[in-house]
PDB file of N, CA and C in Angstrom:
ATOM      1  N   MET A   1      60.626   1.788  35.976  1.00  0.00           N
ATOM      2  CA  MET A   1      60.673   2.565  34.762  1.00  0.00           C
ATOM      3  C   MET A   1      59.262   3.011  34.364  1.00  0.00           C
ATOM      4  N   LEU A   2      58.330   2.086  34.363  1.00  0.00           N
ATOM      5  CA  LEU A   2      56.952   2.427  34.014  1.00  0.00           C
ATOM      6  C   LEU A   2      56.368   3.402  35.025  1.00  0.00           C
ATOM      7  N   GLY A   3      56.679   3.182  36.301  1.00  0.00           N
ATOM      8  CA  GLY A   3      56.192   4.078  37.345  1.00  0.00           C
ATOM      9  C   GLY A   3      56.675   5.496  37.151  1.00  0.00           C
ATOM     10  N   GLU A   4      57.936   5.640  36.742  1.00  0.00           N
ATOM     11  CA  GLU A   4      58.484   6.976  36.507  1.00  0.00           C
ATOM     12  C   GLU A   4      57.764   7.662  35.357  1.00  0.00           C
ATOM     13  N   ALA A   5      57.524   6.931  34.269  1.00  0.00           N
ATOM     14  CA  ALA A   5      56.843   7.508  33.117  1.00  0.00           C
ATOM     15  C   ALA A   5      55.408   7.868  33.465  1.00  0.00           C
ATOM     16  N   ALA A   6      54.742   6.995  34.197  1.00  0.00           N
ATOM     17  CA  ALA A   6      53.364   7.262  34.604  1.00  0.00           C
ATOM     18  C   ALA A   6      53.303   8.477  35.518  1.00  0.00           C
ATOM     19  N   THR A   7      54.229   8.542  36.464  1.00  0.00           N
ATOM     20  CA  THR A   7      54.251   9.666  37.401  1.00  0.00           C
ATOM     21  C   THR A   7      54.504  10.973  36.659  1.00  0.00           C
ATOM     22  N   THR A   8      55.429  10.965  35.713  1.00  0.00           N
ATOM     23  CA  THR A   8      55.721  12.167  34.937  1.00  0.00           C
ATOM     24  C   THR A   8      54.492  12.629  34.169  1.00  0.00           C
ATOM     25  N   GLU A   9      53.819  11.694  33.527  1.00  0.00           N
ATOM     26  CA  GLU A   9      52.629  12.048  32.745  1.00  0.00           C
ATOM     27  C   GLU A   9      51.506  12.556  33.648  1.00  0.00           C
ATOM     28  N   ILE A  10      51.299  11.915  34.780  1.00  0.00           N
ATOM     29  CA  ILE A  10      50.263  12.363  35.716  1.00  0.00           C
ATOM     30  C   ILE A  10      50.591  13.759  36.230  1.00  0.00           C
ATOM     31  N   THR A  11      51.856  14.007  36.507  1.00  0.00           N
ATOM     32  CA  THR A  11      52.282  15.329  36.973  1.00  0.00           C
ATOM     33  C   THR A  11      51.963  16.386  35.923  1.00  0.00           C
ATOM     34  N   ARG A  12      52.215  16.075  34.669  1.00  0.00           N
ATOM     35  CA  ARG A  12      51.931  17.025  33.584  1.00  0.00           C
ATOM     36  C   ARG A  12      50.435  17.261  33.427  1.00  0.00           C
ATOM     37  N   VAL A  13      49.664  16.181  33.410  1.00  0.00           N
ATOM     38  CA  VAL A  13      48.221  16.290  33.195  1.00  0.00           C
ATOM     39  C   VAL A  13      47.554  17.046  34.343  1.00  0.00           C
ATOM     40  N   ASP A  14      47.941  16.716  35.571  1.00  0.00           N
ATOM     41  CA  ASP A  14      47.351  17.364  36.742  1.00  0.00           C
ATOM     42  C   ASP A  14      47.977  18.721  37.043  1.00  0.00           C
ATOM     43  N   ASP A  15      49.022  19.090  36.291  1.00  0.00           N
ATOM     44  CA  ASP A  15      49.773  20.330  36.524  1.00  0.00           C
ATOM     45  C   ASP A  15      50.190  20.416  37.989  1.00  0.00           C
ATOM     46  N   ALA A  16      50.753  19.298  38.481  1.00  0.00           N
ATOM     47  CA  ALA A  16      51.147  19.203  39.887  1.00  0.00           C
ATOM     48  C   ALA A  16      52.317  20.130  40.189  1.00  0.00           C
ATOM     49  N   GLN A  17      52.121  20.983  41.158  1.00  0.00           N
ATOM     50  CA  GLN A  17      53.170  21.887  41.625  1.00  0.00           C
ATOM     51  C   GLN A  17      53.132  21.880  43.139  1.00  0.00           C
ATOM     52  N   GLY A  18      54.270  21.764  43.751  1.00  0.00           N
ATOM     53  CA  GLY A  18      54.322  21.718  45.197  1.00  0.00           C
ATOM     54  C   GLY A  18      54.436  20.296  45.703  1.00  0.00           C
ATOM     55  N   VAL A  19      54.761  20.181  46.966  1.00  0.00           N
ATOM     56  CA  VAL A  19      55.039  18.878  47.565  1.00  0.00           C
ATOM     57  C   VAL A  19      53.787  18.003  47.614  1.00  0.00           C
ATOM     58  N   ARG A  20      52.683  18.545  48.072  1.00  0.00           N
ATOM     59  CA  ARG A  20      51.459  17.752  48.226  1.00  0.00           C
ATOM     60  C   ARG A  20      50.976  17.181  46.884  1.00  0.00           C
ATOM     61  N   GLU A  21      50.931  18.022  45.862  1.00  0.00           N
ATOM     62  CA  GLU A  21      50.468  17.563  44.548  1.00  0.00           C
ATOM     63  C   GLU A  21      51.453  16.573  43.930  1.00  0.00           C
ATOM     64  N   SER A  22      52.741  16.802  44.126  1.00  0.00           N
ATOM     65  CA  SER A  22      53.753  15.884  43.599  1.00  0.00           C
ATOM     66  C   SER A  22      53.664  14.527  44.289  1.00  0.00           C
ATOM     67  N   LYS A  23      53.406  14.541  45.583  1.00  0.00           N
ATOM     68  CA  LYS A  23      53.261  13.296  46.337  1.00  0.00           C
ATOM     69  C   LYS A  23      52.060  12.503  45.830  1.00  0.00           C
ATOM     70  N   THR A  24      50.968  13.192  45.554  1.00  0.00           N
ATOM     71  CA  THR A  24      49.774  12.535  45.018  1.00  0.00           C
ATOM     72  C   THR A  24      50.060  11.941  43.647  1.00  0.00           C
ATOM     73  N   ALA A  25      50.764  12.688  42.803  1.00  0.00           N
ATOM     74  CA  ALA A  25      51.118  12.202  41.471  1.00  0.00           C
ATOM     75  C   ALA A  25      52.027  10.978  41.561  1.00  0.00           C
ATOM     76  N   ALA A  26      52.973  11.012  42.492  1.00  0.00           N
ATOM     77  CA  ALA A  26      53.880   9.865  42.677  1.00  0.00           C
ATOM     78  C   ALA A  26      53.113   8.633  43.129  1.00  0.00           C
ATOM     79  N   ARG A  27      52.168   8.816  44.014  1.00  0.00           N
ATOM     80  CA  ARG A  27      51.361   7.685  44.487  1.00  0.00           C
ATOM     81  C   ARG A  27      50.546   7.085  43.332  1.00  0.00           C
ATOM     82  N   LYS A  28      49.935   7.948  42.522  1.00  0.00           N
ATOM     83  CA  LYS A  28      49.150   7.465  41.375  1.00  0.00           C
ATOM     84  C   LYS A  28      50.046   6.724  40.377  1.00  0.00           C
ATOM     85  N   GLY A  29      51.244   7.264  40.121  1.00  0.00           N
ATOM     86  CA  GLY A  29      52.184   6.609  39.203  1.00  0.00           C
ATOM     87  C   GLY A  29      52.615   5.255  39.731  1.00  0.00           C
ATOM     88  N   GLY A  30      52.840   5.162  41.036  1.00  0.00           N
ATOM     89  CA  GLY A  30      53.191   3.888  41.655  1.00  0.00           C
ATOM     90  C   GLY A  30      52.081   2.873  41.540  1.00  0.00           C
ATOM     91  N   GLU A  31      50.852   3.332  41.654  1.00  0.00           N
ATOM     92  CA  GLU A  31      49.708   2.428  41.494  1.00  0.00           C
ATOM     93  C   GLU A  31      49.651   1.872  40.070  1.00  0.00           C
ATOM     94  N   VAL A  32      49.901   2.723  39.083  1.00  0.00           N
ATOM     95  CA  VAL A  32      49.917   2.281  37.684  1.00  0.00           C
ATOM     96  C   VAL A  32      50.995   1.220  37.481  1.00  0.00           C
ATOM     97  N   ALA A  33      52.189   1.489  37.992  1.00  0.00           N
ATOM     98  CA  ALA A  33      53.305   0.546  37.843  1.00  0.00           C
ATOM     99  C   ALA A  33      53.020  -0.762  38.579  1.00  0.00           C
ATOM    100  N   GLY A  34      52.465  -0.668  39.770  1.00  0.00           N
ATOM    101  CA  GLY A  34      52.154  -1.871  40.542  1.00  0.00           C
ATOM    102  C   GLY A  34      51.125  -2.734  39.854  1.00  0.00           C
ATOM    103  N   THR A  35      50.106  -2.102  39.302  1.00  0.00           N
ATOM    104  CA  THR A  35      49.067  -2.837  38.576  1.00  0.00           C
ATOM    105  C   THR A  35      49.658  -3.533  37.355  1.00  0.00           C
ATOM    106  N   ALA A  36      50.520  -2.827  36.621  1.00  0.00           N
ATOM    107  CA  ALA A  36      51.150  -3.411  35.433  1.00  0.00           C
ATOM    108  C   ALA A  36      52.033  -4.600  35.808  1.00  0.00           C
ATOM    109  N   ARG A  37      52.814  -4.458  36.895  1.00  0.00           N
ATOM    110  CA  ARG A  37      53.690  -5.554  37.340  1.00  0.00           C
ATOM    111  C   ARG A  37      52.876  -6.766  37.750  1.00  0.00           C
ATOM    112  N   LYS A  38      51.830  -6.559  38.516  1.00  0.00           N
ATOM    113  CA  LYS A  38      50.990  -7.674  38.969  1.00  0.00           C
ATOM    114  C   LYS A  38      50.300  -8.364  37.794  1.00  0.00           C
ATOM    115  N   ASP A  39      49.849  -7.582  36.829  1.00  0.00           N
ATOM    116  CA  ASP A  39      49.198  -8.150  35.644  1.00  0.00           C
ATOM    117  C   ASP A  39      50.187  -8.992  34.846  1.00  0.00           C
ATOM    118  N   LEU A  40      51.413  -8.481  34.667  1.00  0.00           N
ATOM    119  CA  LEU A  40      52.446  -9.225  33.950  1.00  0.00           C
ATOM    120  C   LEU A  40      52.781 -10.525  34.679  1.00  0.00           C
ATOM    121  N   GLU A  41      52.930 -10.452  35.995  1.00  0.00           N
ATOM    122  CA  GLU A  41      53.239 -11.648  36.777  1.00  0.00           C
ATOM    123  C   GLU A  41      52.114 -12.676  36.678  1.00  0.00           C
ATOM    124  N   ARG A  42      50.893 -12.204  36.692  1.00  0.00           N
ATOM    125  CA  ARG A  42      49.745 -13.115  36.587  1.00  0.00           C
ATOM    126  C   ARG A  42      49.713 -13.802  35.213  1.00  0.00           C
ATOM    127  N   LYS A  43      49.985 -13.051  34.171  1.00  0.00           N
ATOM    128  CA  LYS A  43      49.920 -13.606  32.818  1.00  0.00           C
ATOM    129  C   LYS A  43      51.103 -14.510  32.484  1.00  0.00           C
ATOM    130  N   THR A  44      52.281 -14.193  33.002  1.00  0.00           N
ATOM    131  CA  THR A  44      53.470 -14.994  32.693  1.00  0.00           C
ATOM    132  C   THR A  44      53.750 -16.068  33.743  1.00  0.00           C
ATOM    133  N   ARG A  45      53.066 -15.960  34.881  1.00  0.00           N
ATOM    134  CA  ARG A  45      53.283 -16.866  36.017  1.00  0.00           C
ATOM    135  C   ARG A  45      54.736 -16.836  36.494  1.00  0.00           C
ATOM    136  N   LYS A  46      55.378 -15.693  36.347  1.00  0.00           N
ATOM    137  CA  LYS A  46      56.745 -15.486  36.815  1.00  0.00           C
ATOM    138  C   LYS A  46      56.794 -14.196  37.600  1.00  0.00           C
ATOM    139  N   LYS A  47      57.655 -14.161  38.609  1.00  0.00           N
ATOM    140  CA  LYS A  47      57.871 -12.938  39.363  1.00  0.00           C
ATOM    141  C   LYS A  47      58.744 -11.996  38.539  1.00  0.00           C
ATOM    142  N   VAL A  48      58.413 -10.730  38.556  1.00  0.00           N
ATOM    143  CA  VAL A  48      59.194  -9.735  37.841  1.00  0.00           C
ATOM    144  C   VAL A  48      60.484  -9.449  38.605  1.00  0.00           C
ATOM    145  N   VAL A  49      60.394  -9.312  39.916  1.00  0.00           N
ATOM    146  CA  VAL A  49      61.557  -9.064  40.748  1.00  0.00           C
ATOM    147  C   VAL A  49      61.896 -10.354  41.478  1.00  0.00           C
ATOM    148  N   SER A  50      63.135 -10.793  41.330  1.00  0.00           N
ATOM    149  CA  SER A  50      63.570 -12.031  41.970  1.00  0.00           C
ATOM    150  C   SER A  50      65.033 -11.877  42.382  1.00  0.00           C
ATOM    151  N   PRO A  51      65.517 -12.779  43.224  1.00  0.00           N
ATOM    152  CA  PRO A  51      66.938 -12.713  43.603  1.00  0.00           C
ATOM    153  C   PRO A  51      67.877 -12.836  42.397  1.00  0.00           C
ATOM    154  N   GLU A  52      67.431 -13.489  41.345  1.00  0.00           N
ATOM    155  CA  GLU A  52      68.276 -13.678  40.157  1.00  0.00           C
ATOM    156  C   GLU A  52      68.433 -12.393  39.339  1.00  0.00           C
ATOM    157  N   ASN A  53      67.413 -11.516  39.339  1.00  0.00           N
ATOM    158  CA  ASN A  53      67.524 -10.323  38.507  1.00  0.00           C
ATOM    159  C   ASN A  53      67.692  -9.040  39.323  1.00  0.00           C
ATOM    160  N   TYR A  54      67.864  -9.182  40.623  1.00  0.00           N
ATOM    161  CA  TYR A  54      68.058  -8.017  41.492  1.00  0.00           C
ATOM    162  C   TYR A  54      69.460  -7.454  41.308  1.00  0.00           C
ATOM    163  N   LEU A  55      69.559  -6.140  41.099  1.00  0.00           N
ATOM    164  CA  LEU A  55      70.855  -5.471  40.994  1.00  0.00           C
ATOM    165  C   LEU A  55      71.243  -4.949  42.364  1.00  0.00           C
ATOM    166  N   GLY A  56      72.487  -5.090  42.708  1.00  0.00           N
ATOM    167  CA  GLY A  56      72.974  -4.546  43.972  1.00  0.00           C
ATOM    168  C   GLY A  56      72.903  -3.032  43.982  1.00  0.00           C
ATOM    169  N   ILE A  57      72.976  -2.440  45.138  1.00  0.00           N
ATOM    170  CA  ILE A  57      72.868  -0.993  45.270  1.00  0.00           C
ATOM    171  C   ILE A  57      73.921  -0.275  44.429  1.00  0.00           C
ATOM    172  N   SER A  58      75.161  -0.714  44.474  1.00  0.00           N
ATOM    173  CA  SER A  58      76.213  -0.029  43.720  1.00  0.00           C
ATOM    174  C   SER A  58      75.962  -0.125  42.215  1.00  0.00           C
ATOM    175  N   GLN A  59      75.467  -1.246  41.742  1.00  0.00           N
ATOM    176  CA  GLN A  59      75.165  -1.390  40.316  1.00  0.00           C
ATOM    177  C   GLN A  59      74.026  -0.454  39.914  1.00  0.00           C
ATOM    178  N   LYS A  60      73.023  -0.340  40.772  1.00  0.00           N
ATOM    179  CA  LYS A  60      71.915   0.564  40.479  1.00  0.00           C
ATOM    180  C   LYS A  60      72.413   2.001  40.376  1.00  0.00           C
ATOM    181  N   ARG A  61      73.236   2.397  41.335  1.00  0.00           N
ATOM    182  CA  ARG A  61      73.756   3.767  41.334  1.00  0.00           C
ATOM    183  C   ARG A  61      74.577   4.048  40.092  1.00  0.00           C
ATOM    184  N   GLN A  62      75.409   3.099  39.697  1.00  0.00           N
ATOM    185  CA  GLN A  62      76.224   3.277  38.499  1.00  0.00           C
ATOM    186  C   GLN A  62      75.340   3.448  37.275  1.00  0.00           C
ATOM    187  N   LYS A  63      74.294   2.650  37.181  1.00  0.00           N
ATOM    188  CA  LYS A  63      73.381   2.721  36.046  1.00  0.00           C
ATOM    189  C   LYS A  63      72.665   4.078  36.024  1.00  0.00           C
ATOM    190  N   LEU A  64      72.223   4.541  37.189  1.00  0.00           N
ATOM    191  CA  LEU A  64      71.552   5.830  37.271  1.00  0.00           C
ATOM    192  C   LEU A  64      72.490   6.974  36.914  1.00  0.00           C
ATOM    193  N   LEU A  65      73.709   6.915  37.408  1.00  0.00           N
ATOM    194  CA  LEU A  65      74.679   7.962  37.123  1.00  0.00           C
ATOM    195  C   LEU A  65      75.035   8.014  35.644  1.00  0.00           C
ATOM    196  N   LYS A  66      75.154   6.842  35.006  1.00  0.00           N
ATOM    197  CA  LYS A  66      75.428   6.812  33.564  1.00  0.00           C
ATOM    198  C   LYS A  66      74.281   7.453  32.785  1.00  0.00           C
ATOM    199  N   GLY A  67      73.041   7.156  33.192  1.00  0.00           N
ATOM    200  CA  GLY A  67      71.857   7.694  32.524  1.00  0.00           C
ATOM    201  C   GLY A  67      71.748   9.195  32.635  1.00  0.00           C
ATOM    202  N   LYS A  68      72.163   9.764  33.757  1.00  0.00           N
ATOM    203  CA  LYS A  68      72.073  11.203  33.964  1.00  0.00           C
ATOM    204  C   LYS A  68      73.086  11.955  33.123  1.00  0.00           C
ATOM    205  N   GLY A  69      74.212  11.321  32.808  1.00  0.00           N
ATOM    206  CA  GLY A  69      75.242  11.981  32.016  1.00  0.00           C
ATOM    207  C   GLY A  69      74.940  12.018  30.537  1.00  0.00           C
ATOM    208  N   SER A  70      73.977  11.222  30.110  1.00  0.00           N
ATOM    209  CA  SER A  70      73.655  11.136  28.675  1.00  0.00           C
ATOM    210  C   SER A  70      72.811  12.278  28.210  1.00  0.00           C
TER     211      SER A  70
END
Protein backbone atom coordinates (compact mmCIF):
# COMPACT_ATOMS: atom_id res chain seq x y z
CA MET A 1 0.00 0.00 0.00
CA LEU A 2 2.75 2.45 0.94
CA GLY A 3 4.72 1.46 -2.15
CA GLU A 4 1.76 2.25 -4.38
CA ALA A 5 1.29 5.68 -2.81
CA ALA A 6 4.99 6.44 -3.02
CA THR A 7 5.16 5.30 -6.63
CA THR A 8 2.14 7.42 -7.56
CA GLU A 9 3.63 10.51 -5.93
CA ILE A 10 7.04 9.95 -7.53
CA THR A 11 5.36 9.52 -10.91
CA ARG A 12 3.56 12.84 -10.46
CA VAL A 13 6.61 14.74 -9.22
CA ASP A 14 8.91 13.37 -11.93
CA ASP A 15 6.14 13.70 -14.56
CA ALA A 16 6.95 10.13 -15.59
CA GLN A 17 5.56 9.23 -18.99
CA GLY A 18 6.46 6.12 -20.90
CA VAL A 19 7.68 2.71 -19.89
CA ARG A 20 11.24 3.63 -18.90
CA GLU A 21 10.24 6.54 -16.65
CA SER A 22 7.38 4.55 -15.11
CA LYS A 23 9.74 1.67 -14.36
CA THR A 24 12.14 4.06 -12.63
CA ALA A 25 9.29 5.54 -10.59
CA ALA A 26 8.11 2.06 -9.60
CA ARG A 27 11.60 1.10 -8.47
CA LYS A 28 11.91 4.28 -6.36
CA GLY A 29 8.46 3.66 -4.82
CA GLY A 30 9.46 0.09 -3.98
CA GLU A 31 12.59 1.35 -2.28
CA VAL A 32 10.51 3.72 -0.13
CA ALA A 33 8.14 0.90 0.85
CA GLY A 34 11.00 -1.51 1.55
CA THR A 35 12.78 0.99 3.76
CA ALA A 36 9.57 1.68 5.70
CA ARG A 37 8.89 -2.06 6.17
CA LYS A 38 12.42 -2.76 7.37
CA ASP A 39 12.33 0.20 9.76
CA LEU A 40 8.99 -0.97 11.20
CA GLU A 41 10.29 -4.52 11.62
CA ARG A 42 13.43 -3.24 13.34
CA LYS A 43 11.47 -1.05 15.76
CA THR A 44 8.75 -3.59 16.58
CA ARG A 45 11.00 -6.67 16.38
CA LYS A 46 8.22 -8.38 14.41
CA LYS A 47 8.03 -9.42 10.78
CA VAL A 48 5.46 -7.49 8.78
CA VAL A 49 4.82 -10.38 6.39
CA SER A 50 4.41 -13.79 7.98
CA PRO A 51 2.58 -17.06 7.29
CA GLU A 52 -0.08 -15.96 9.80
CA ASN A 53 -1.02 -12.74 7.98
CA TYR A 54 -0.44 -13.87 4.38
CA LEU A 55 -3.58 -13.76 2.21
CA GLY A 56 -4.03 -16.44 -0.40
CA ILE A 57 -4.05 -15.46 -4.06
CA SER A 58 -7.83 -15.74 -4.40
CA GLN A 59 -8.39 -13.58 -1.31
CA LYS A 60 -6.03 -10.94 -2.67
CA ARG A 61 -7.82 -10.89 -6.01
CA GLN A 62 -11.21 -10.57 -4.35
CA LYS A 63 -9.97 -7.66 -2.25
CA LEU A 64 -8.49 -5.92 -5.30
CA LEU A 65 -11.64 -6.44 -7.35
CA LYS A 66 -13.82 -5.03 -4.56
CA GLY A 67 -11.57 -1.96 -4.33
CA LYS A 68 -11.77 -1.27 -8.06
CA GLY A 69 -15.57 -1.28 -8.02
CA SER A 70 -15.77 1.40 -5.33
